[in-house]
Amino acid sequence: MKKIFLLLLSFMAFLQSCTNQKSEISKAKTKELMGKTIYDFKVESLDGKEINFADFKGKKILIVNTASECGFTPQYADLEKVYEQYKDKLVVVGFPANNFGGQEPGTNTEIGAFCQKNYGVTFPMAAKVSVKGDDMAPIFKYLTEQELNGVKNTTILWNFTKFLIDENGKLIDTYVSTTKPTSEAITKHLK
């Protein structure tokens, strides 16, 4: 019995150590992002090139976590519509992610072909990323933590969560999946 107790105690100490390591890694990632703006981010695109957010200075940016097999996938059409309609003052950037229900299982090439074939997507699409958890992409850590973005904390609950950034790189607001890209809640900031 004593051996089991000691073994259990050792295992609990090991788990605590792992938790502390995760916490330290998370704190280090947060510290690394402190003082950054959206314009400091560069991400890989679906086609292996680079999306440099500094190139979007002076325009609003609508960042969306996307998925090809989601009930909200038809929002690609509305994202393209908003992108085309407000192209002179807005950039839409899609971030495919497989965090919710395994609804983005494809490769970057497959995702790009799907978006083009089914929705005629011409707005920039980033390479597939994670938008939550320990492997969350740094840009989404920035977008979801008030300590980093200076505006608000956001929990991404599902695919097609939207983040609207103003012309100066400041987060305006976030929108849940059910908010269509063409809704007044978003377009009122684009007129």
Protein backbone atom coordinates (compact mmCIF):
# COMPACT_ATOMS: atom_id res chain seq x y z
CA MET A 1 0.00 0.00 0.00
CA LYS A 2 2.84 2.33 0.87
CA LYS A 3 4.45 1.67 -2.56
CA ILE A 4 1.20 2.54 -4.33
CA PHE A 5 0.92 5.73 -2.30
CA LEU A 6 4.51 6.71 -3.15
CA LEU A 7 3.96 5.86 -6.80
CA LEU A 8 0.80 7.96 -6.85
CA LEU A 9 2.63 10.82 -5.12
CA SER A 10 5.44 10.62 -7.68
CA PHE A 11 2.96 10.62 -10.54
CA MET A 12 1.16 13.68 -9.11
CA ALA A 13 4.50 15.49 -8.77
CA PHE A 14 5.28 14.63 -12.41
CA LEU A 15 1.90 15.99 -13.56
CA GLN A 16 2.46 19.18 -11.56
CA SER A 17 5.86 19.56 -13.19
CA CYS A 18 4.30 19.19 -16.64
CA THR A 19 1.64 21.77 -15.79
CA ASN A 20 4.29 24.19 -14.53
CA GLN A 21 6.31 23.69 -17.72
CA LYS A 22 3.23 24.40 -19.87
CA SER A 23 2.54 27.51 -17.82
CA GLU A 24 6.12 28.72 -18.22
CA ILE A 25 6.02 28.09 -21.98
CA SER A 26 2.73 29.99 -22.24
CA LYS A 27 4.16 32.89 -20.22
CA ALA A 28 7.25 32.95 -22.44
CA LYS A 29 5.08 33.03 -25.59
CA THR A 30 3.00 35.86 -24.14
CA LYS A 31 6.12 37.83 -23.19
CA GLU A 32 7.49 37.35 -26.70
CA LEU A 33 4.31 38.88 -28.17
CA MET A 34 4.14 41.84 -25.75
CA GLY A 35 4.45 45.17 -27.52
CA LYS A 36 3.71 43.72 -30.95
CA THR A 37 1.07 45.07 -33.28
CA ILE A 38 -0.81 43.24 -36.01
CA TYR A 39 1.74 44.74 -38.43
CA ASP A 40 4.55 42.72 -36.83
CA PHE A 41 3.03 39.44 -38.02
CA LYS A 42 4.10 37.54 -41.11
CA VAL A 43 2.47 34.20 -41.85
CA GLU A 44 2.79 31.58 -44.53
CA SER A 45 0.11 31.62 -47.22
CA LEU A 46 -1.67 28.57 -48.64
CA ASP A 47 0.69 28.60 -51.61
CA GLY A 48 3.83 28.73 -49.46
CA LYS A 49 4.49 32.45 -49.91
CA GLU A 50 4.31 35.08 -47.18
CA ILE A 51 1.47 37.27 -45.97
CA ASN A 52 3.01 40.33 -44.32
CA PHE A 53 0.42 42.24 -42.29
CA ALA A 54 2.54 45.41 -42.53
CA ASP A 55 1.49 45.50 -46.18
CA PHE A 56 -2.08 46.21 -45.02
CA LYS A 57 -1.37 49.44 -43.13
CA GLY A 58 -4.06 52.00 -43.84
CA LYS A 59 -6.73 49.36 -44.52
CA LYS A 60 -9.08 47.49 -42.23
CA ILE A 61 -8.34 43.78 -41.88
CA LEU A 62 -10.94 41.06 -41.34
CA ILE A 63 -9.27 37.90 -40.02
CA VAL A 64 -11.35 34.72 -40.02
CA ASN A 65 -10.61 31.14 -38.93
CA THR A 66 -12.10 28.99 -41.67
CA ALA A 67 -12.95 25.35 -42.40
CA SER A 68 -14.07 23.58 -45.58
CA GLU A 69 -16.49 21.09 -44.02
CA CYS A 70 -18.40 23.31 -41.59
CA GLY A 71 -22.01 24.44 -41.57
CA PHE A 72 -20.62 27.99 -41.83
CA THR A 73 -18.42 27.20 -44.87
CA PRO A 74 -20.85 29.04 -47.22
CA GLN A 75 -19.62 32.23 -45.50
CA TYR A 76 -16.66 32.02 -47.90
CA ALA A 77 -19.03 33.51 -50.50
CA ASP A 78 -19.90 36.43 -48.20
CA LEU A 79 -16.24 36.95 -47.28
CA GLU A 80 -15.40 37.18 -50.99
CA LYS A 81 -18.34 39.56 -51.55
CA VAL A 82 -17.22 41.89 -48.73
CA TYR A 83 -13.60 41.69 -49.93
CA GLU A 84 -14.59 42.66 -53.48
CA GLN A 85 -17.03 45.38 -52.39
CA TYR A 86 -14.63 47.11 -49.99
CA LYS A 87 -11.31 46.15 -51.63
CA ASP A 88 -10.04 49.74 -51.52
CA LYS A 89 -10.27 49.84 -47.72
CA LEU A 90 -10.44 46.23 -46.49
CA VAL A 91 -8.36 43.07 -46.67
CA VAL A 92 -9.88 39.73 -45.69
CA VAL A 93 -7.44 37.05 -44.52
CA GLY A 94 -8.65 33.48 -44.02
CA PHE A 95 -6.88 31.08 -41.67
CA PRO A 96 -7.90 27.45 -42.22
CA ALA A 97 -7.90 25.53 -38.94
CA ASN A 98 -8.85 22.00 -37.96
CA ASN A 99 -9.59 22.75 -34.30
CA PHE A 100 -13.33 22.22 -34.34
CA GLY A 101 -14.90 18.90 -35.23
CA GLY A 102 -12.10 17.96 -37.64
CA GLN A 103 -13.80 20.16 -40.23
CA GLU A 104 -10.61 21.21 -42.03
CA PRO A 105 -8.78 17.92 -42.68
CA GLY A 106 -7.26 18.89 -46.04
CA THR A 107 -3.77 19.97 -46.99
CA ASN A 108 -3.00 23.57 -47.93
CA THR A 109 -3.21 22.61 -51.62
CA GLU A 110 -6.57 20.89 -51.16
CA ILE A 111 -7.94 23.82 -49.16
CA GLY A 112 -6.84 26.32 -51.83
CA ALA A 113 -8.43 24.27 -54.62
CA PHE A 114 -11.67 23.90 -52.62
CA CYS A 115 -11.92 27.64 -51.91
CA GLN A 116 -11.23 28.59 -55.51
CA LYS A 117 -13.51 25.98 -57.11
CA ASN A 118 -16.48 26.37 -54.78
CA TYR A 119 -16.38 30.04 -53.77
CA GLY A 120 -13.99 31.83 -56.16
CA VAL A 121 -11.91 33.04 -53.22
CA THR A 122 -9.39 35.73 -54.21
CA PHE A 123 -8.63 37.16 -50.77
CA PRO A 124 -5.41 36.07 -49.02
CA MET A 125 -5.53 32.67 -47.35
CA ALA A 126 -2.94 31.68 -44.78
CA ALA A 127 -1.53 28.18 -44.44
CA LYS A 128 -3.46 25.92 -42.08
CA VAL A 129 -2.88 26.81 -38.41
CA SER A 130 -4.20 26.05 -34.95
CA VAL A 131 -6.41 28.74 -33.40
CA LYS A 132 -6.62 27.36 -29.86
CA GLY A 133 -4.72 25.20 -27.42
CA ASP A 134 -1.02 24.84 -26.74
CA ASP A 135 -0.14 25.01 -30.43
CA MET A 136 -2.19 28.17 -31.08
CA ALA A 137 -0.65 30.31 -33.84
CA PRO A 138 0.98 33.45 -32.37
CA ILE A 139 -1.31 35.77 -34.36
CA PHE A 140 -4.36 34.17 -32.74
CA LYS A 141 -2.77 34.40 -29.31
CA TYR A 142 -2.37 38.11 -30.04
CA LEU A 143 -5.95 38.47 -31.30
CA THR A 144 -7.55 36.63 -28.38
CA GLU A 145 -5.66 38.09 -25.39
CA GLN A 146 -6.46 41.59 -24.14
CA GLU A 147 -3.03 41.77 -22.54
CA LEU A 148 -1.60 41.65 -26.08
CA ASN A 149 -4.21 43.33 -28.30
CA GLY A 150 -5.17 46.03 -25.78
CA VAL A 151 -8.90 45.67 -26.37
CA LYS A 152 -10.49 42.41 -25.23
CA ASN A 153 -10.17 38.72 -24.49
CA THR A 154 -11.91 36.43 -26.95
CA THR A 155 -12.52 32.70 -26.84
CA ILE A 156 -12.78 31.17 -30.29
CA LEU A 157 -15.75 28.86 -29.95
CA TRP A 158 -15.99 27.55 -33.53
CA ASN A 159 -14.99 28.02 -37.14
CA PHE A 160 -15.61 31.39 -38.83
CA THR A 161 -14.95 33.58 -35.79
CA LYS A 162 -14.07 37.03 -37.12
CA PHE A 163 -11.64 39.72 -35.92
CA LEU A 164 -11.94 43.23 -37.38
CA ILE A 165 -8.84 45.42 -37.20
CA ASP A 166 -8.90 49.16 -37.96
CA GLU A 167 -6.67 51.11 -40.37
CA ASN A 168 -4.14 51.71 -37.58
CA GLY A 169 -3.83 48.06 -36.59
CA LYS A 170 -6.09 48.19 -33.52
CA LEU A 171 -8.70 45.52 -32.87
CA ILE A 172 -12.19 46.96 -33.38
CA ASP A 173 -14.20 43.92 -32.32
CA THR A 174 -14.71 40.18 -32.68
CA TYR A 175 -17.72 38.39 -34.08
CA VAL A 176 -19.01 34.87 -33.48
CA SER A 177 -19.51 32.34 -36.26
CA THR A 178 -23.19 33.17 -36.73
CA THR A 179 -22.36 36.79 -37.62
CA LYS A 180 -22.26 36.89 -41.41
CA PRO A 181 -19.44 38.90 -43.01
CA THR A 182 -22.10 40.98 -44.81
CA SER A 183 -23.95 41.84 -41.59
CA GLU A 184 -24.40 45.43 -40.50
CA ALA A 185 -22.41 44.67 -37.34
CA ILE A 186 -19.32 44.40 -39.57
CA THR A 187 -20.14 46.52 -42.64
CA LYS A 188 -21.01 49.60 -40.56
CA HIS A 189 -17.26 49.87 -39.91
CA LEU A 190 -16.47 49.72 -43.64
CA LYS A 191 -18.73 52.49 -44.97
